[in-house]
Amino acid sequence: MAVHPYVIVYDVTPPRVTILRVWHGAQNRP
Protein backbone atom coordinates (compact mmCIF):
# COMPACT_ATOMS: atom_id res chain seq x y z
CA MET A 1 0.00 0.00 0.00
CA ALA A 2 1.50 3.31 -1.05
CA VAL A 3 0.99 6.38 1.11
CA HIS A 4 -0.91 8.89 -0.98
CA PRO A 5 -0.95 12.67 -0.31
CA TYR A 6 -4.67 12.49 0.41
CA VAL A 7 -4.06 10.12 3.30
CA ILE A 8 -1.34 12.34 4.74
CA VAL A 9 -3.37 15.56 4.47
CA TYR A 10 -6.53 14.03 5.89
CA ASP A 11 -4.57 12.21 8.57
CA VAL A 12 -3.77 15.58 10.17
CA THR A 13 -7.45 16.49 10.32
CA PRO A 14 -9.69 15.15 13.13
CA PRO A 15 -12.13 13.29 10.81
CA ARG A 16 -9.27 11.06 9.68
CA VAL A 17 -11.31 8.00 10.62
CA THR A 18 -13.93 8.88 8.01
CA ILE A 19 -11.40 9.37 5.21
CA LEU A 20 -9.64 6.17 6.23
CA ARG A 21 -12.90 4.23 5.94
CA VAL A 22 -13.59 5.76 2.54
CA TRP A 23 -10.02 5.07 1.46
CA HIS A 24 -10.29 1.43 2.51
CA GLY A 25 -13.51 1.19 0.53
CA ALA A 26 -11.81 2.59 -2.56
CA GLN A 27 -8.83 0.25 -2.13
CA ASN A 28 -11.21 -2.69 -1.70
CA ARG A 29 -12.45 -2.11 -5.26
CA PRO A 30 -11.08 -4.56 -7.89
PDB file of N, CA and C in Angstrom:
ATOM      1  N   MET A   1       0.842  -1.203   0.000  1.00  0.00           N
ATOM      2  CA  MET A   1       0.000   0.000   0.000  1.00  0.00           C
ATOM      3  C   MET A   1       0.876   1.252   0.000  1.00  0.00           C
ATOM      4  N   ALA A   2       0.703   2.082  -0.976  1.00  0.00           N
ATOM      5  CA  ALA A   2       1.505   3.310  -1.050  1.00  0.00           C
ATOM      6  C   ALA A   2       0.795   4.445  -0.329  1.00  0.00           C
ATOM      7  N   VAL A   3       1.577   5.259   0.352  1.00  0.00           N
ATOM      8  CA  VAL A   3       0.987   6.377   1.109  1.00  0.00           C
ATOM      9  C   VAL A   3       0.725   7.537   0.160  1.00  0.00           C
ATOM     10  N   HIS A   4      -0.545   7.809  -0.078  1.00  0.00           N
ATOM     11  CA  HIS A   4      -0.908   8.890  -0.982  1.00  0.00           C
ATOM     12  C   HIS A   4      -1.038  10.209  -0.232  1.00  0.00           C
ATOM     13  N   PRO A   5      -0.849  11.331  -0.932  1.00  0.00           N
ATOM     14  CA  PRO A   5      -0.949  12.667  -0.312  1.00  0.00           C
ATOM     15  C   PRO A   5      -2.279  12.862   0.399  1.00  0.00           C
ATOM     16  N   TYR A   6      -3.346  12.335  -0.180  1.00  0.00           N
ATOM     17  CA  TYR A   6      -4.669  12.494   0.412  1.00  0.00           C
ATOM     18  C   TYR A   6      -4.703  11.912   1.819  1.00  0.00           C
ATOM     19  N   VAL A   7      -4.077  10.764   1.989  1.00  0.00           N
ATOM     20  CA  VAL A   7      -4.062  10.116   3.303  1.00  0.00           C
ATOM     21  C   VAL A   7      -3.286  10.963   4.302  1.00  0.00           C
ATOM     22  N   ILE A   8      -2.170  11.528   3.849  1.00  0.00           N
ATOM     23  CA  ILE A   8      -1.336  12.344   4.741  1.00  0.00           C
ATOM     24  C   ILE A   8      -2.084  13.614   5.151  1.00  0.00           C
ATOM     25  N   VAL A   9      -2.668  14.299   4.194  1.00  0.00           N
ATOM     26  CA  VAL A   9      -3.373  15.560   4.471  1.00  0.00           C
ATOM     27  C   VAL A   9      -4.551  15.315   5.394  1.00  0.00           C
ATOM     28  N   TYR A  10      -5.345  14.307   5.076  1.00  0.00           N
ATOM     29  CA  TYR A  10      -6.533  14.033   5.885  1.00  0.00           C
ATOM     30  C   TYR A  10      -6.170  13.411   7.227  1.00  0.00           C
ATOM     31  N   ASP A  11      -4.985  12.836   7.315  1.00  0.00           N
ATOM     32  CA  ASP A  11      -4.566  12.213   8.571  1.00  0.00           C
ATOM     33  C   ASP A  11      -4.334  13.273   9.634  1.00  0.00           C
ATOM     34  N   VAL A  12      -4.011  14.494   9.213  1.00  0.00           N
ATOM     35  CA  VAL A  12      -3.771  15.584  10.167  1.00  0.00           C
ATOM     36  C   VAL A  12      -5.097  16.102  10.710  1.00  0.00           C
ATOM     37  N   THR A  13      -6.138  15.984   9.905  1.00  0.00           N
ATOM     38  CA  THR A  13      -7.449  16.489  10.325  1.00  0.00           C
ATOM     39  C   THR A  13      -8.117  15.500  11.273  1.00  0.00           C
ATOM     40  N   PRO A  14      -8.992  16.000  12.160  1.00  0.00           N
ATOM     41  CA  PRO A  14      -9.695  15.152  13.132  1.00  0.00           C
ATOM     42  C   PRO A  14     -10.504  14.029  12.472  1.00  0.00           C
ATOM     43  N   PRO A  15     -11.301  14.340  11.446  1.00  0.00           N
ATOM     44  CA  PRO A  15     -12.129  13.289  10.813  1.00  0.00           C
ATOM     45  C   PRO A  15     -11.309  12.357   9.943  1.00  0.00           C
ATOM     46  N   ARG A  16     -10.139  11.954  10.462  1.00  0.00           N
ATOM     47  CA  ARG A  16      -9.274  11.057   9.682  1.00  0.00           C
ATOM     48  C   ARG A  16      -9.879   9.668   9.605  1.00  0.00           C
ATOM     49  N   VAL A  17     -10.683   9.318  10.614  1.00  0.00           N
ATOM     50  CA  VAL A  17     -11.309   7.997  10.625  1.00  0.00           C
ATOM     51  C   VAL A  17     -12.250   7.853   9.432  1.00  0.00           C
ATOM     52  N   THR A  18     -12.978   8.926   9.133  1.00  0.00           N
ATOM     53  CA  THR A  18     -13.925   8.881   8.012  1.00  0.00           C
ATOM     54  C   THR A  18     -13.192   8.686   6.694  1.00  0.00           C
ATOM     55  N   ILE A  19     -12.157   9.482   6.463  1.00  0.00           N
ATOM     56  CA  ILE A  19     -11.405   9.368   5.209  1.00  0.00           C
ATOM     57  C   ILE A  19     -10.735   8.012   5.108  1.00  0.00           C
ATOM     58  N   LEU A  20     -10.285   7.487   6.246  1.00  0.00           N
ATOM     59  CA  LEU A  20      -9.641   6.173   6.232  1.00  0.00           C
ATOM     60  C   LEU A  20     -10.646   5.111   5.803  1.00  0.00           C
ATOM     61  N   ARG A  21     -11.868   5.207   6.305  1.00  0.00           N
ATOM     62  CA  ARG A  21     -12.899   4.226   5.943  1.00  0.00           C
ATOM     63  C   ARG A  21     -13.206   4.329   4.457  1.00  0.00           C
ATOM     64  N   VAL A  22     -13.302   5.555   3.970  1.00  0.00           N
ATOM     65  CA  VAL A  22     -13.586   5.757   2.543  1.00  0.00           C
ATOM     66  C   VAL A  22     -12.421   5.245   1.700  1.00  0.00           C
ATOM     67  N   TRP A  23     -11.210   5.499   2.194  1.00  0.00           N
ATOM     68  CA  TRP A  23     -10.016   5.066   1.458  1.00  0.00           C
ATOM     69  C   TRP A  23      -9.984   3.544   1.376  1.00  0.00           C
ATOM     70  N   HIS A  24     -10.286   2.894   2.494  1.00  0.00           N
ATOM     71  CA  HIS A  24     -10.293   1.431   2.511  1.00  0.00           C
ATOM     72  C   HIS A  24     -11.334   0.908   1.524  1.00  0.00           C
ATOM     73  N   GLY A  25     -12.468   1.600   1.457  1.00  0.00           N
ATOM     74  CA  GLY A  25     -13.515   1.193   0.530  1.00  0.00           C
ATOM     75  C   GLY A  25     -13.031   1.307  -0.914  1.00  0.00           C
ATOM     76  N   ALA A  26     -12.302   2.382  -1.196  1.00  0.00           N
ATOM     77  CA  ALA A  26     -11.808   2.589  -2.560  1.00  0.00           C
ATOM     78  C   ALA A  26     -10.742   1.543  -2.896  1.00  0.00           C
ATOM     79  N   GLN A  27      -9.896   1.228  -1.913  1.00  0.00           N
ATOM     80  CA  GLN A  27      -8.833   0.245  -2.134  1.00  0.00           C
ATOM     81  C   GLN A  27      -9.418  -1.161  -2.272  1.00  0.00           C
ATOM     82  N   ASN A  28     -10.581  -1.377  -1.659  1.00  0.00           N
ATOM     83  CA  ASN A  28     -11.208  -2.693  -1.700  1.00  0.00           C
ATOM     84  C   ASN A  28     -11.771  -2.979  -3.088  1.00  0.00           C
ATOM     85  N   ARG A  29     -11.913  -1.930  -3.902  1.00  0.00           N
ATOM     86  CA  ARG A  29     -12.454  -2.108  -5.256  1.00  0.00           C
ATOM     87  C   ARG A  29     -11.457  -2.872  -6.120  1.00  0.00           C
ATOM     88  N   PRO A  30     -11.936  -3.721  -7.033  1.00  0.00           N
ATOM     89  CA  PRO A  30     -11.083  -4.557  -7.889  1.00  0.00           C
ATOM     90  C   PRO A  30     -10.300  -3.751  -8.931  1.00  0.00           C
TER      91      PRO A  30
END
